[in-house]
Amino acid sequence: MKYFAVFLPMKDKEKSAEHRPAHLEFLEKMKEEKKVLMNGKFSDGSGGLVIYRASDEDEAISYLKQDPFVETGARDWEIHEWELETASDVQIGG
């Protein structure tokens, strides 16, 4: 399994506020399915970051295009394959 960092820069603040509940619900479902490792917003309000788990970039893109923020045009997106490294005593996901 590979990891993909998806930056979701702010495109439309009003749409982002309107679709935030659906976005968070989507991410929670994706976490339950182990397709999202982690996510969070940037403290300066410029957007957020989602780390997807997928077999390849095409699969990760298929996931992120289901995000209500992306579907509605509230956010742009940028994807990069990410090589996860942790301290030896840290356990990440299952």
C-alpha atoms as a PDB file:
ATOM      1  CA  MET A   1       0.000   0.000   0.000  1.00  0.00           C
ATOM      2  CA  LYS A   2       1.224   3.498  -0.846  1.00  0.00           C
ATOM      3  CA  TYR A   3       0.443   6.857   0.725  1.00  0.00           C
ATOM      4  CA  PHE A   4      -0.595  10.015  -1.097  1.00  0.00           C
ATOM      5  CA  ALA A   5      -0.609  13.502   0.393  1.00  0.00           C
ATOM      6  CA  VAL A   6      -3.422  15.611  -1.006  1.00  0.00           C
ATOM      7  CA  PHE A   7      -3.333  19.341  -0.430  1.00  0.00           C
ATOM      8  CA  LEU A   8      -6.778  20.952  -0.569  1.00  0.00           C
ATOM      9  CA  PRO A   9      -6.143  24.696  -0.960  1.00  0.00           C
ATOM     10  CA  MET A  10      -9.074  27.028  -0.352  1.00  0.00           C
ATOM     11  CA  LYS A  11     -10.909  27.977  -3.524  1.00  0.00           C
ATOM     12  CA  ASP A  12     -14.281  29.222  -2.233  1.00  0.00           C
ATOM     13  CA  LYS A  13     -14.748  29.961   1.493  1.00  0.00           C
ATOM     14  CA  GLU A  14     -18.553  30.017   1.317  1.00  0.00           C
ATOM     15  CA  LYS A  15     -18.740  26.651  -0.448  1.00  0.00           C
ATOM     16  CA  SER A  16     -16.175  25.248   1.985  1.00  0.00           C
ATOM     17  CA  ALA A  17     -18.286  26.311   4.964  1.00  0.00           C
ATOM     18  CA  GLU A  18     -21.455  24.936   3.344  1.00  0.00           C
ATOM     19  CA  HIS A  19     -19.934  21.546   2.472  1.00  0.00           C
ATOM     20  CA  ARG A  20     -17.697  21.062   5.535  1.00  0.00           C
ATOM     21  CA  PRO A  21     -20.101  18.667   7.331  1.00  0.00           C
ATOM     22  CA  ALA A  22     -20.341  16.426   4.231  1.00  0.00           C
ATOM     23  CA  HIS A  23     -16.547  16.616   3.786  1.00  0.00           C
ATOM     24  CA  LEU A  24     -15.946  15.505   7.381  1.00  0.00           C
ATOM     25  CA  GLU A  25     -18.510  12.710   7.057  1.00  0.00           C
ATOM     26  CA  PHE A  26     -16.767  11.548   3.866  1.00  0.00           C
ATOM     27  CA  LEU A  27     -13.369  11.522   5.600  1.00  0.00           C
ATOM     28  CA  GLU A  28     -14.740   9.580   8.577  1.00  0.00           C
ATOM     29  CA  LYS A  29     -16.148   6.928   6.216  1.00  0.00           C
ATOM     30  CA  MET A  30     -12.823   6.757   4.365  1.00  0.00           C
ATOM     31  CA  LYS A  31     -10.971   6.332   7.682  1.00  0.00           C
ATOM     32  CA  GLU A  32     -13.278   3.461   8.654  1.00  0.00           C
ATOM     33  CA  GLU A  33     -12.471   1.849   5.289  1.00  0.00           C
ATOM     34  CA  LYS A  34      -8.740   2.467   5.950  1.00  0.00           C
ATOM     35  CA  LYS A  35      -8.473   4.599   2.807  1.00  0.00           C
ATOM     36  CA  VAL A  36      -7.518   7.724   4.783  1.00  0.00           C
ATOM     37  CA  LEU A  37      -4.640   7.616   7.228  1.00  0.00           C
ATOM     38  CA  MET A  38      -5.045  11.132   8.622  1.00  0.00           C
ATOM     39  CA  ASN A  39      -6.337  14.577   7.787  1.00  0.00           C
ATOM     40  CA  GLY A  40      -6.437  18.099   9.135  1.00  0.00           C
ATOM     41  CA  LYS A  41      -6.905  21.753   8.328  1.00  0.00           C
ATOM     42  CA  PHE A  42      -4.178  24.363   8.170  1.00  0.00           C
ATOM     43  CA  SER A  43      -4.363  26.763  11.104  1.00  0.00           C
ATOM     44  CA  ASP A  44      -4.065  29.796   8.795  1.00  0.00           C
ATOM     45  CA  GLY A  45      -7.330  28.873   7.012  1.00  0.00           C
ATOM     46  CA  SER A  46      -5.641  28.297   3.658  1.00  0.00           C
ATOM     47  CA  GLY A  47      -6.947  24.742   3.252  1.00  0.00           C
ATOM     48  CA  GLY A  48      -6.121  21.272   4.498  1.00  0.00           C
ATOM     49  CA  LEU A  49      -4.256  18.018   3.979  1.00  0.00           C
ATOM     50  CA  VAL A  50      -5.493  14.439   3.598  1.00  0.00           C
ATOM     51  CA  ILE A  51      -3.215  11.385   3.548  1.00  0.00           C
ATOM     52  CA  TYR A  52      -4.813   8.648   1.455  1.00  0.00           C
ATOM     53  CA  ARG A  53      -3.828   4.968   1.414  1.00  0.00           C
ATOM     54  CA  ALA A  54      -4.099   3.454  -2.074  1.00  0.00           C
ATOM     55  CA  SER A  55      -2.416   0.974  -4.386  1.00  0.00           C
ATOM     56  CA  ASP A  56      -1.492   3.715  -6.872  1.00  0.00           C
ATOM     57  CA  GLU A  57      -2.063   7.380  -7.694  1.00  0.00           C
ATOM     58  CA  ASP A  58      -5.071   6.695  -9.933  1.00  0.00           C
ATOM     59  CA  GLU A  59      -6.844   4.952  -7.067  1.00  0.00           C
ATOM     60  CA  ALA A  60      -6.037   7.821  -4.681  1.00  0.00           C
ATOM     61  CA  ILE A  61      -7.377  10.332  -7.229  1.00  0.00           C
ATOM     62  CA  SER A  62     -10.569   8.296  -7.571  1.00  0.00           C
ATOM     63  CA  TYR A  63     -11.015   8.619  -3.780  1.00  0.00           C
ATOM     64  CA  LEU A  64     -10.312  12.335  -3.561  1.00  0.00           C
ATOM     65  CA  LYS A  65     -12.691  13.129  -6.433  1.00  0.00           C
ATOM     66  CA  GLN A  66     -15.501  11.777  -4.212  1.00  0.00           C
ATOM     67  CA  ASP A  67     -14.732  14.398  -1.539  1.00  0.00           C
ATOM     68  CA  PRO A  68     -17.593  16.930  -1.365  1.00  0.00           C
ATOM     69  CA  PHE A  69     -15.026  19.766  -1.234  1.00  0.00           C
ATOM     70  CA  VAL A  70     -13.647  18.641  -4.600  1.00  0.00           C
ATOM     71  CA  GLU A  71     -16.996  17.662  -6.146  1.00  0.00           C
ATOM     72  CA  THR A  72     -18.501  21.097  -5.433  1.00  0.00           C
ATOM     73  CA  GLY A  73     -15.465  23.172  -6.400  1.00  0.00           C
ATOM     74  CA  ALA A  74     -14.954  24.441  -2.853  1.00  0.00           C
ATOM     75  CA  ARG A  75     -11.305  23.363  -2.945  1.00  0.00           C
ATOM     76  CA  ASP A  76      -8.584  22.788  -5.496  1.00  0.00           C
ATOM     77  CA  TRP A  77      -6.326  19.758  -5.033  1.00  0.00           C
ATOM     78  CA  GLU A  78      -2.721  18.738  -5.485  1.00  0.00           C
ATOM     79  CA  ILE A  79      -1.474  15.174  -4.977  1.00  0.00           C
ATOM     80  CA  HIS A  80       1.982  13.782  -4.207  1.00  0.00           C
ATOM     81  CA  GLU A  81       3.073  10.249  -3.396  1.00  0.00           C
ATOM     82  CA  TRP A  82       4.343  10.348   0.184  1.00  0.00           C
ATOM     83  CA  GLU A  83       6.875   8.045   1.807  1.00  0.00           C
ATOM     84  CA  LEU A  84       5.782   7.650   5.399  1.00  0.00           C
ATOM     85  CA  GLU A  85       8.519   7.496   8.013  1.00  0.00           C
ATOM     86  CA  THR A  86       7.874   7.286  11.740  1.00  0.00           C
ATOM     87  CA  ALA A  87       9.854   6.818  14.892  1.00  0.00           C
ATOM     88  CA  SER A  88      10.424   3.142  15.610  1.00  0.00           C
ATOM     89  CA  ASP A  89       8.012   3.253  18.588  1.00  0.00           C
ATOM     90  CA  VAL A  90       5.089   4.787  16.652  1.00  0.00           C
ATOM     91  CA  GLN A  91       2.325   2.563  15.208  1.00  0.00           C
ATOM     92  CA  ILE A  92       0.271   3.958  12.315  1.00  0.00           C
ATOM     93  CA  GLY A  93      -3.005   2.389  11.155  1.00  0.00           C
ATOM     94  CA  GLY A  94      -3.756  -1.247  10.507  1.00  0.00           C
END
